[in-house]
Amino acid sequence: MPRDMHLSDAPRAIVAGGGFGGIAAALRLRARGYAVRLIDRCPRLGGRAQVFELDGFRFDAGPTVLTAPHLFAELFALFGEQMEDRVTLVAPDPWYRFRFHDGETFDYGPTEDRTEAEIARLAPGDVDGYRRMGAWSKALYDTGFTGLSAAPFHSPAFMARQIPDLVRLRAHESVWQMVARHLDDDRLRRAFSIQPLLVGGNPFDTTAIYGMINHLERREGVWFAMGGTGALVDALQGLMERQGVAIELGRTVQRIAVENGRATGVDLDDGRHLRADIVASNMDPLHVYRHMLPEGAASPVARLRGRAARLSMGLYVLYFGTRRRYPEVAHHTVWLGERYREHLADIFHRKHLAEDFSLYVHRPTATDPSFAPEGCDAFYVLCPVPNLAGGQDWAVEGPRLRDRIVAALDATMLPGLKDTITAEFTMTPLDFRDDYLSVDGAGFSLSPFFSQSAFFRYHNRGEGVDGLYCVGAGTHPGAGLPGVVSSAKVLDTLVPAAGVAA
């Protein structure tokens, strides 16, 4: 059925959740001929990629790093459009700056020559190891991303066929072990093993398959959308509107209706029931399978997966402006505390909020001054913390952590911050739970252990419910922008084109 047929005659698809996974799912379903309605509880599209404005400052609330831009370009290309006509991407220079506890820094990107020169400055003996690690990361990428990120993992037999490659690529190792096999300098080991934290994993536990992120960055680059991630969301919203996708914001999907084992629509918080031929969920799958399906509808495997789930860390995010500029501060800075392995164990294993921390500091005004009034800077500081299973009282711990972070930045990379900070507000795991219905306020749903990856992650086809499809961070292939957009690409294989029997 062609997508330009009259929408009133097309089969109906409802997408529950308007994060990047839901946006991509809506566009792909529209391209397959469905009349699509996307529903989200937030005031604007983007899921965690909300945009906040305060006192003349603008803040991206969620993802700030864009990799694999071709995945977004594909969404525009589905409808004969070019992304570059709607969004301007620029590469920060450097991609990241790492600041270690001793005050030493390491700039990563934007070219291999620049990165290798920095490695040679810090640890000359690790240049060759970095090259070997790059080759290993490429092998991981070729198998784990190019080959499998958009492939459905529903069949045990399909998973079994991947075992020889997984063994060859030492998937049983952690990302830290993979990096440590190639690099000797502890500072470089830390810098090149943090990538799992970008998708909710502990580098000491996350399967080495996620070492592919290093090659993904080196192959595709690290990008920033002028106007922020919100500008990319706005461009995708415009694309959906031009293609007739209906968008409803400020409404929560409370239940997925199931009749005779098949999803038939959704119930909203305002009492409406909307019927559909298929339902695609971009909500936290733990929440969906625990609270949004009729009793007994989910398969026993899905129920077991929910009981055994190990979730990602939580996130504490401090947003603020400054009444002066810090031109020496890079666009992206990873501020590493003295402890690494033990600190991560506090967060992931002991669920303990320690006095020390490591931070990701985002200064978008390094690239796009429009984020702040003239002469000012805008900042977003992300601090990994235990999720709500840790039992912290964030009404007490939040202000204490804020003061420790401001003091640490004032004493290091943002001198004078205490006197110039303005327009500040925070998000804690409580906000992730309440705003995004994330179980335990986890920042990235399931943590990416090997036992929670591929076949062992929530499937993109509803488990126990026909006509239900799942995309987003908790599903295959995982969290992060490339992961959630790829999860929607899996639907091209699973969802029959409009007019074709399932």
Protein backbone atom coordinates (compact mmCIF):
# COMPACT_ATOMS: atom_id res chain seq x y z
CA MET A 1 0.00 0.00 0.00
CA PRO A 2 1.67 3.28 -1.00
CA ARG A 3 2.26 5.83 1.72
CA ASP A 4 0.58 8.57 -0.34
CA MET A 5 -2.76 6.76 -0.25
CA HIS A 6 -5.56 8.55 1.59
CA LEU A 7 -4.83 8.27 5.32
CA SER A 8 -8.44 7.42 6.14
CA ASP A 9 -8.04 4.17 4.20
CA ALA A 10 -4.68 3.18 5.69
CA PRO A 11 -4.26 0.76 8.61
CA ARG A 12 -3.63 2.59 11.86
CA ALA A 13 -0.47 2.54 13.95
CA ILE A 14 -0.11 4.16 17.36
CA VAL A 15 3.36 5.00 18.64
CA ALA A 16 3.45 5.39 22.44
CA GLY A 17 6.36 7.61 23.38
CA GLY A 18 8.03 10.41 21.44
CA GLY A 19 11.71 9.91 22.13
CA PHE A 20 14.10 9.40 19.24
CA GLY A 21 13.10 5.74 19.04
CA GLY A 22 9.43 6.65 18.81
CA ILE A 23 10.06 9.41 16.28
CA ALA A 24 12.05 7.04 14.09
CA ALA A 25 9.39 4.34 14.47
CA ALA A 26 6.64 6.76 13.48
CA LEU A 27 8.50 7.79 10.34
CA ARG A 28 9.34 4.24 9.34
CA LEU A 29 5.77 3.07 9.88
CA ARG A 30 4.48 6.02 7.87
CA ALA A 31 6.88 5.09 5.07
CA ARG A 32 5.38 1.57 5.17
CA GLY A 33 1.93 2.98 4.52
CA TYR A 34 0.40 3.27 7.98
CA ALA A 35 -1.66 6.17 9.28
CA VAL A 36 0.44 6.99 12.33
CA ARG A 37 -0.47 8.74 15.58
CA LEU A 38 2.38 9.48 18.00
CA ILE A 39 1.45 10.16 21.64
CA ASP A 40 3.80 11.46 24.33
CA ARG A 41 3.32 12.75 27.87
CA CYS A 42 5.97 15.49 27.65
CA PRO A 43 5.24 19.07 26.53
CA ARG A 44 7.38 18.61 23.42
CA LEU A 45 8.76 15.74 21.37
CA GLY A 46 12.16 14.19 22.04
CA GLY A 47 11.57 12.14 25.17
CA ARG A 48 14.60 12.83 27.33
CA ALA A 49 15.79 15.30 24.70
CA GLN A 50 13.59 18.05 26.10
CA VAL A 51 14.64 21.69 25.87
CA PHE A 52 14.47 24.04 28.85
CA GLU A 53 14.69 27.83 28.78
CA LEU A 54 15.36 30.04 31.78
CA ASP A 55 16.39 33.70 32.06
CA GLY A 56 17.59 33.86 28.47
CA PHE A 57 19.54 30.59 28.64
CA ARG A 58 18.63 27.47 26.67
CA PHE A 59 19.49 23.95 27.83
CA ASP A 60 19.31 20.61 26.04
CA ALA A 61 17.99 18.27 28.70
CA GLY A 62 19.07 14.96 27.24
CA PRO A 63 21.58 13.66 24.68
CA THR A 64 24.15 16.23 23.56
CA VAL A 65 26.46 14.06 21.43
CA LEU A 66 25.39 12.98 17.95
CA THR A 67 27.12 10.01 16.32
CA ALA A 68 26.06 7.95 13.30
CA PRO A 69 24.29 10.88 11.61
CA HIS A 70 23.55 8.66 8.62
CA LEU A 71 20.82 6.99 10.68
CA PHE A 72 18.99 10.32 10.93
CA ALA A 73 19.68 11.14 7.29
CA GLU A 74 17.97 7.84 6.38
CA LEU A 75 14.74 9.05 7.99
CA PHE A 76 14.64 12.12 5.76
CA ALA A 77 15.65 10.05 2.74
CA LEU A 78 12.64 7.76 3.24
CA PHE A 79 10.57 10.69 1.98
CA GLY A 80 12.96 12.08 -0.63
CA GLU A 81 14.37 14.82 1.61
CA GLN A 82 17.91 15.66 2.69
CA MET A 83 18.73 16.20 6.34
CA GLU A 84 21.31 18.88 5.60
CA ASP A 85 18.50 21.07 4.26
CA ARG A 86 16.93 21.05 7.72
CA VAL A 87 19.77 20.59 10.24
CA THR A 88 23.33 21.95 10.36
CA LEU A 89 25.86 19.62 11.98
CA VAL A 90 29.27 20.76 13.17
CA ALA A 91 32.12 18.84 14.77
CA PRO A 92 33.36 20.17 18.13
CA ASP A 93 37.14 20.58 18.36
CA PRO A 94 38.22 18.56 20.25
CA TRP A 95 35.49 15.95 20.34
CA TYR A 96 36.10 15.46 24.05
CA ARG A 97 38.55 16.84 26.57
CA PHE A 98 39.38 14.54 29.46
CA ARG A 99 40.47 16.20 32.67
CA PHE A 100 42.11 13.88 35.18
CA HIS A 101 42.23 14.31 38.94
CA ASP A 102 45.86 15.47 38.79
CA GLY A 103 44.93 18.35 36.46
CA GLU A 104 46.39 16.72 33.32
CA THR A 105 44.18 16.82 30.22
CA PHE A 106 43.83 14.71 27.10
CA ASP A 107 42.09 15.93 23.94
CA TYR A 108 40.39 13.27 21.80
CA GLY A 109 39.65 14.03 18.13
CA PRO A 110 38.73 15.40 15.73
CA THR A 111 41.49 13.74 13.66
CA GLU A 112 43.54 10.60 14.14
CA ASP A 113 46.76 12.58 13.89
CA ARG A 114 45.65 14.93 16.67
CA THR A 115 44.57 12.05 18.90
CA GLU A 116 47.79 10.12 18.37
CA ALA A 117 49.83 13.24 19.08
CA GLU A 118 48.01 13.60 22.39
CA ILE A 119 48.61 9.92 23.21
CA ALA A 120 52.29 10.34 22.37
CA ARG A 121 52.46 13.33 24.72
CA LEU A 122 50.99 11.37 27.63
CA ALA A 123 52.22 7.83 26.98
CA PRO A 124 54.40 7.37 23.86
CA GLY A 125 54.39 3.60 24.27
CA ASP A 126 50.62 3.44 23.82
CA VAL A 127 50.43 4.82 20.28
CA ASP A 128 50.81 1.38 18.74
CA GLY A 129 48.37 -0.07 21.23
CA TYR A 130 45.83 2.59 20.30
CA ARG A 131 46.16 1.59 16.66
CA ARG A 132 45.68 -2.08 17.54
CA MET A 133 42.67 -1.19 19.67
CA GLY A 134 41.24 0.71 16.70
CA ALA A 135 41.52 -2.37 14.50
CA TRP A 136 39.86 -4.51 17.19
CA SER A 137 37.10 -1.94 17.64
CA LYS A 138 36.49 -1.99 13.89
CA ALA A 139 36.02 -5.76 14.00
CA LEU A 140 33.52 -5.32 16.83
CA TYR A 141 31.73 -2.62 14.83
CA ASP A 142 31.61 -4.67 11.63
CA THR A 143 29.91 -7.51 13.48
CA GLY A 144 27.97 -5.82 16.25
CA PHE A 145 26.75 -2.66 14.51
CA THR A 146 26.91 -3.06 10.75
CA GLY A 147 25.78 -6.66 10.85
CA LEU A 148 23.38 -6.91 13.78
CA SER A 149 22.13 -3.54 15.06
CA ALA A 150 19.10 -3.56 12.76
CA ALA A 151 18.57 -7.35 12.82
CA PRO A 152 15.75 -8.77 14.97
CA PHE A 153 16.98 -11.04 17.77
CA HIS A 154 13.90 -13.17 18.46
CA SER A 155 15.13 -16.62 17.57
CA PRO A 156 17.44 -18.66 19.81
CA ALA A 157 18.77 -20.25 16.63
CA PHE A 158 19.70 -16.84 15.21
CA MET A 159 21.46 -15.99 18.46
CA ALA A 160 23.29 -19.33 18.39
CA ARG A 161 24.61 -18.58 14.91
CA GLN A 162 26.33 -15.48 16.31
CA ILE A 163 28.24 -17.42 18.98
CA PRO A 164 31.37 -18.15 16.86
CA ASP A 165 31.79 -14.44 16.11
CA LEU A 166 31.12 -13.50 19.74
CA VAL A 167 33.74 -15.98 20.91
CA ARG A 168 36.24 -14.74 18.32
CA LEU A 169 35.64 -11.15 19.41
CA ARG A 170 35.95 -12.08 23.11
CA ALA A 171 32.49 -10.81 23.98
CA HIS A 172 32.91 -12.42 27.41
CA GLU A 173 35.45 -9.70 28.24
CA SER A 174 34.44 -6.36 29.67
CA VAL A 175 35.12 -3.12 27.83
CA TRP A 176 37.75 -2.33 30.47
CA GLN A 177 39.53 -5.64 29.80
CA MET A 178 39.48 -5.01 26.06
CA VAL A 179 40.95 -1.53 26.47
CA ALA A 180 43.52 -2.70 29.04
CA ARG A 181 44.78 -5.37 26.63
CA HIS A 182 45.83 -2.59 24.27
CA LEU A 183 46.75 0.39 26.46
CA ASP A 184 49.06 0.55 29.49
CA ASP A 185 48.59 4.10 30.75
CA ASP A 186 45.85 4.20 33.38
CA ARG A 187 44.65 7.64 32.28
CA LEU A 188 44.20 6.48 28.69
CA ARG A 189 42.53 3.29 29.86
CA ARG A 190 39.97 5.42 31.68
CA ALA A 191 39.46 7.76 28.74
CA PHE A 192 38.86 4.96 26.24
CA SER A 193 36.70 2.80 28.51
CA ILE A 194 34.04 5.35 29.51
CA GLN A 195 31.87 4.78 26.41
CA PRO A 196 29.59 2.24 28.17
CA LEU A 197 28.58 5.00 30.57
CA LEU A 198 27.05 6.78 27.57
CA VAL A 199 24.58 3.87 27.27
CA GLY A 200 24.12 3.08 30.96
CA GLY A 201 26.82 0.50 31.59
CA ASN A 202 29.75 -0.01 33.93
CA PRO A 203 32.95 -0.41 31.85
CA PHE A 204 34.04 -3.19 34.19
CA ASP A 205 30.84 -5.21 33.57
CA THR A 206 29.67 -4.22 30.08
CA THR A 207 30.37 -6.72 27.33
CA ALA A 208 33.37 -5.82 25.17
CA ILE A 209 31.05 -5.69 22.15
CA TYR A 210 30.36 -2.09 23.19
CA GLY A 211 34.00 -1.36 22.42
CA MET A 212 32.59 -0.79 18.93
CA ILE A 213 31.67 2.74 20.02
CA ASN A 214 35.29 3.79 19.63
CA HIS A 215 35.29 2.85 15.95
CA LEU A 216 31.82 4.34 15.48
CA GLU A 217 33.16 7.68 16.69
CA ARG A 218 36.30 7.46 14.58
CA ARG A 219 34.40 6.37 11.46
CA GLU A 220 31.32 8.62 11.72
CA GLY A 221 32.68 11.50 13.79
CA VAL A 222 31.21 13.29 16.80
CA TRP A 223 28.70 15.99 15.91
CA PHE A 224 26.60 18.76 17.38
CA ALA A 225 23.41 20.08 15.80
CA MET A 226 23.41 23.87 15.69
CA GLY A 227 20.56 24.95 17.91
CA GLY A 228 21.13 21.81 19.97
CA THR A 229 19.61 18.36 19.98
CA GLY A 230 16.25 20.09 20.24
CA ALA A 231 16.82 21.52 16.77
CA LEU A 232 17.17 17.98 15.41
CA VAL A 233 13.94 17.02 17.17
CA ASP A 234 12.20 20.03 15.64
CA ALA A 235 13.43 19.07 12.16
CA LEU A 236 12.13 15.53 12.59
CA GLN A 237 8.81 16.85 13.90
CA GLY A 238 8.52 18.99 10.79
CA LEU A 239 9.19 15.92 8.65
CA MET A 240 6.47 13.98 10.44
CA GLU A 241 3.98 16.81 10.06
CA ARG A 242 4.72 17.10 6.34
CA GLN A 243 4.04 13.37 5.99
CA GLY A 244 0.76 13.44 7.89
CA VAL A 245 1.85 11.85 11.16
CA ALA A 246 -0.55 12.98 13.90
CA ILE A 247 1.24 14.15 17.06
CA GLU A 248 -0.44 14.44 20.46
CA LEU A 249 1.56 15.81 23.38
CA GLY A 250 0.80 16.11 27.08
CA ARG A 251 -1.11 12.81 27.13
CA THR A 252 0.01 9.58 28.78
CA VAL A 253 -0.64 6.12 27.37
CA GLN A 254 -1.71 4.20 30.47
CA ARG A 255 -2.55 0.78 29.03
CA ILE A 256 -2.14 -1.21 25.86
CA ALA A 257 -5.40 -2.93 24.98
CA VAL A 258 -5.09 -6.62 24.09
CA GLU A 259 -7.80 -8.80 22.59
CA ASN A 260 -7.27 -12.49 21.85
CA GLY A 261 -3.52 -12.08 22.27
CA ARG A 262 -3.23 -9.09 19.95
CA ALA A 263 -2.68 -5.38 20.64
CA THR A 264 -5.74 -3.48 19.48
CA GLY A 265 -5.10 0.04 20.73
CA VAL A 266 -4.31 2.12 23.81
CA ASP A 267 -6.08 3.74 26.74
CA LEU A 268 -5.09 7.32 27.58
CA ASP A 269 -5.05 9.18 30.87
CA ASP A 270 -7.96 11.37 29.76
CA GLY A 271 -10.24 8.33 29.46
CA ARG A 272 -10.08 7.93 25.69
CA HIS A 273 -9.60 4.56 24.03
CA LEU A 274 -7.87 4.67 20.65
CA ARG A 275 -8.02 1.65 18.40
CA ALA A 276 -5.13 0.65 16.16
CA ASP A 277 -3.99 -2.18 13.96
CA ILE A 278 -0.53 -2.14 15.52
CA VAL A 279 1.05 -0.46 18.56
CA ALA A 280 4.72 0.52 18.78
CA SER A 281 5.99 1.35 22.26
CA ASN A 282 8.90 3.70 22.87
CA MET A 283 8.32 3.52 26.61
CA ASP A 284 10.56 1.79 29.16
CA PRO A 285 9.81 -1.90 28.43
CA LEU A 286 10.04 -2.79 32.11
CA HIS A 287 7.21 -0.36 32.79
CA VAL A 288 5.25 -1.65 29.81
CA TYR A 289 5.48 -5.33 30.72
CA ARG A 290 4.88 -4.70 34.42
CA HIS A 291 2.05 -2.17 34.29
CA MET A 292 0.56 -1.64 30.82
CA LEU A 293 -0.59 -5.08 29.67
CA PRO A 294 -3.45 -7.26 30.89
CA GLU A 295 -2.58 -9.85 33.50
CA GLY A 296 -0.89 -12.84 31.89
CA ALA A 297 -0.53 -11.24 28.45
CA ALA A 298 3.28 -11.05 28.52
CA SER A 299 5.19 -14.22 27.77
CA PRO A 300 6.81 -16.11 30.67
CA VAL A 301 10.24 -15.14 29.28
CA ALA A 302 9.34 -11.45 29.31
CA ARG A 303 8.06 -11.72 32.88
CA LEU A 304 11.25 -13.50 33.95
CA ARG A 305 13.37 -10.89 32.20
CA GLY A 306 11.57 -8.18 34.15
CA ARG A 307 12.13 -9.90 37.50
CA ALA A 308 15.84 -10.44 36.82
CA ALA A 309 16.50 -7.05 35.21
CA ARG A 310 19.60 -5.13 36.24
CA LEU A 311 19.10 -1.47 35.49
CA SER A 312 21.47 1.29 34.49
CA MET A 313 22.69 3.92 36.90
CA GLY A 314 20.70 7.02 37.67
CA LEU A 315 21.63 10.52 36.60
CA TYR A 316 21.91 13.76 38.51
CA VAL A 317 21.98 16.70 36.10
CA LEU A 318 22.80 20.28 37.06
CA TYR A 319 21.87 22.95 34.53
CA PHE A 320 23.17 26.46 34.94
CA GLY A 321 24.35 29.60 33.23
CA THR A 322 27.28 31.83 34.07
CA ARG A 323 27.43 35.60 33.95
CA ARG A 324 30.82 35.39 32.28
CA ARG A 325 32.38 33.24 29.57
CA TYR A 326 34.92 30.44 29.93
CA PRO A 327 36.49 30.39 26.46
CA GLU A 328 39.19 27.92 27.50
CA VAL A 329 36.60 25.22 28.34
CA ALA A 330 35.87 22.72 25.57
CA HIS A 331 32.40 21.87 24.27
CA HIS A 332 32.54 18.41 25.90
CA THR A 333 34.67 17.74 28.99
CA VAL A 334 34.86 14.50 30.95
CA TRP A 335 35.99 15.47 34.46
CA LEU A 336 37.38 12.32 36.10
CA GLY A 337 37.70 11.94 39.85
CA GLU A 338 40.57 10.10 41.52
CA ARG A 339 38.69 6.83 41.98
CA TYR A 340 37.46 4.92 38.96
CA ARG A 341 36.74 1.19 39.47
CA GLU A 342 35.71 1.61 43.10
CA HIS A 343 33.58 4.65 42.36
CA LEU A 344 31.72 2.78 39.62
CA ALA A 345 31.25 -0.16 41.99
CA ASP A 346 29.69 2.26 44.48
CA ILE A 347 27.19 3.39 41.84
CA PHE A 348 26.34 0.12 40.10
CA HIS A 349 26.89 -2.58 42.73
CA ARG A 350 26.59 -1.02 46.18
CA LYS A 351 24.06 1.67 45.12
CA HIS A 352 26.02 4.03 47.37
CA LEU A 353 26.23 7.78 46.75
CA ALA A 354 29.87 8.53 47.57
CA GLU A 355 31.29 11.92 48.42
CA ASP A 356 33.44 11.93 45.27
CA PHE A 357 32.24 11.84 41.67
CA SER A 358 33.10 12.05 38.01
CA LEU A 359 31.30 14.43 35.67
CA TYR A 360 30.41 15.14 32.07
CA VAL A 361 30.44 18.90 31.48
CA HIS A 362 28.64 20.23 28.41
CA ARG A 363 29.31 23.80 27.29
CA PRO A 364 27.27 24.23 24.08
CA THR A 365 28.17 27.92 23.88
CA ALA A 366 31.66 26.80 22.86
CA THR A 367 30.07 26.04 19.48
CA ASP A 368 26.72 27.82 19.47
CA PRO A 369 26.57 31.14 21.37
CA SER A 370 22.78 31.28 20.95
CA PHE A 371 22.41 29.10 24.06
CA ALA A 372 23.16 32.05 26.35
CA PRO A 373 22.83 35.83 26.50
CA GLU A 374 25.79 37.80 25.19
CA GLY A 375 28.85 37.48 27.43
CA CYS A 376 27.47 34.40 29.18
CA ASP A 377 27.86 30.63 28.95
CA ALA A 378 25.35 27.77 29.32
CA PHE A 379 26.33 24.51 31.03
CA TYR A 380 24.90 21.05 31.66
CA VAL A 381 26.76 18.87 34.15
CA LEU A 382 25.84 15.20 34.32
CA CYS A 383 26.87 13.10 37.31
CA PRO A 384 26.29 9.31 37.34
CA VAL A 385 24.62 8.28 40.60
CA PRO A 386 22.80 5.20 41.93
CA ASN A 387 19.30 4.67 40.62
CA LEU A 388 16.38 4.78 43.04
CA ALA A 389 17.08 1.24 44.25
CA GLY A 390 19.80 2.90 46.33
CA GLY A 391 17.18 4.53 48.53
CA GLN A 392 18.77 7.99 48.58
CA ASP A 393 16.61 10.90 49.73
CA TRP A 394 17.16 13.27 46.82
CA ALA A 395 15.51 16.15 48.62
CA VAL A 396 18.49 16.00 50.97
CA GLU A 397 21.23 14.54 48.77
CA GLY A 398 20.49 16.65 45.70
CA PRO A 399 21.41 20.02 47.25
CA ARG A 400 24.46 18.48 48.96
CA LEU A 401 25.69 17.02 45.68
CA ARG A 402 25.05 20.33 43.92
CA ASP A 403 27.28 22.16 46.39
CA ARG A 404 30.09 19.58 46.05
CA ILE A 405 29.98 19.77 42.26
CA VAL A 406 30.01 23.56 42.16
CA ALA A 407 32.89 23.67 44.64
CA ALA A 408 34.91 21.13 42.62
CA LEU A 409 34.38 22.94 39.32
CA ASP A 410 35.12 26.29 40.96
CA ALA A 411 38.44 24.90 42.19
CA THR A 412 39.43 23.44 38.81
CA MET A 413 38.06 24.21 35.35
CA LEU A 414 35.50 26.93 36.18
CA PRO A 415 37.26 29.34 38.55
CA GLY A 416 34.89 31.85 40.09
CA LEU A 417 31.83 29.68 39.41
CA LYS A 418 30.42 30.19 42.91
CA ASP A 419 30.14 33.92 42.24
CA THR A 420 28.91 33.85 38.65
CA ILE A 421 26.47 30.90 38.54
CA THR A 422 22.89 31.78 37.59
CA ALA A 423 19.69 30.31 36.13
CA GLU A 424 20.26 26.92 37.72
CA PHE A 425 18.00 23.92 38.20
CA THR A 426 18.46 20.16 38.50
CA MET A 427 17.11 16.75 37.57
CA THR A 428 17.49 13.67 39.78
CA PRO A 429 16.47 10.02 39.31
CA LEU A 430 13.10 11.01 40.78
CA ASP A 431 12.49 13.21 37.73
CA PHE A 432 13.45 10.40 35.36
CA ARG A 433 10.91 8.17 37.11
CA ASP A 434 8.13 10.75 37.21
CA ASP A 435 8.66 12.51 33.87
CA TYR A 436 9.64 9.54 31.70
CA LEU A 437 8.16 6.56 33.62
CA SER A 438 11.63 5.06 33.87
CA VAL A 439 11.64 2.19 36.35
CA ASP A 440 13.75 3.10 39.41
CA GLY A 441 14.63 6.37 37.68
CA ALA A 442 17.29 4.56 35.64
CA GLY A 443 18.89 6.80 33.06
CA PHE A 444 19.09 4.16 30.30
CA SER A 445 16.72 1.30 31.22
CA LEU A 446 18.56 -2.06 31.15
CA SER A 447 22.30 -1.99 31.74
CA PRO A 448 24.22 -3.49 28.78
CA PHE A 449 25.57 -6.69 30.30
CA PHE A 450 26.11 -9.55 27.87
CA SER A 451 23.18 -11.30 29.58
CA GLN A 452 21.03 -8.27 28.74
CA SER A 453 22.12 -7.79 25.14
CA ALA A 454 20.87 -9.01 21.75
CA PHE A 455 18.53 -12.02 22.25
CA PHE A 456 18.61 -11.48 26.03
CA ARG A 457 17.38 -7.88 25.82
CA TYR A 458 13.72 -6.97 25.39
CA HIS A 459 12.70 -7.99 21.89
CA ASN A 460 11.50 -5.53 19.26
CA ARG A 461 8.47 -7.76 18.61
CA GLY A 462 6.07 -7.90 21.53
CA GLU A 463 6.72 -10.94 23.70
CA GLY A 464 3.38 -12.67 24.14
CA VAL A 465 1.38 -9.97 22.34
CA ASP A 466 0.95 -9.92 18.57
CA GLY A 467 0.81 -6.53 16.89
CA LEU A 468 2.96 -4.94 19.62
CA TYR A 469 6.43 -3.67 18.77
CA CYS A 470 9.01 -2.19 21.11
CA VAL A 471 11.76 0.33 20.41
CA GLY A 472 14.05 2.45 22.55
CA ALA A 473 16.80 2.12 25.13
CA GLY A 474 15.59 -1.06 26.85
CA THR A 475 15.19 -3.00 23.61
CA HIS A 476 17.66 -4.40 21.08
CA PRO A 477 20.19 -3.03 20.19
CA GLY A 478 20.32 -0.72 23.22
CA ALA A 479 20.59 2.83 24.50
CA GLY A 480 22.24 5.87 22.95
CA LEU A 481 21.04 7.69 19.85
CA PRO A 482 22.43 5.16 17.34
CA GLY A 483 20.90 2.33 19.37
CA VAL A 484 17.38 3.70 19.75
CA VAL A 485 17.18 4.86 16.13
CA SER A 486 18.42 1.44 15.00
CA SER A 487 15.76 -0.24 17.14
CA ALA A 488 13.15 1.46 14.97
CA LYS A 489 14.98 0.30 11.84
CA VAL A 490 14.39 -3.28 13.01
CA LEU A 491 10.68 -2.65 12.43
CA ASP A 492 11.28 -2.60 8.67
CA THR A 493 11.94 -6.33 8.98
CA LEU A 494 9.18 -7.11 11.47
CA VAL A 495 6.18 -4.99 10.49
CA PRO A 496 4.38 -5.94 7.30
CA ALA A 497 3.81 -3.16 4.83
CA ALA A 498 0.31 -1.70 4.97
CA GLY A 499 -2.11 -3.99 3.16
CA VAL A 500 0.08 -7.09 3.67
CA ALA A 501 -1.20 -9.65 6.13
CA ALA A 502 0.93 -10.10 9.26
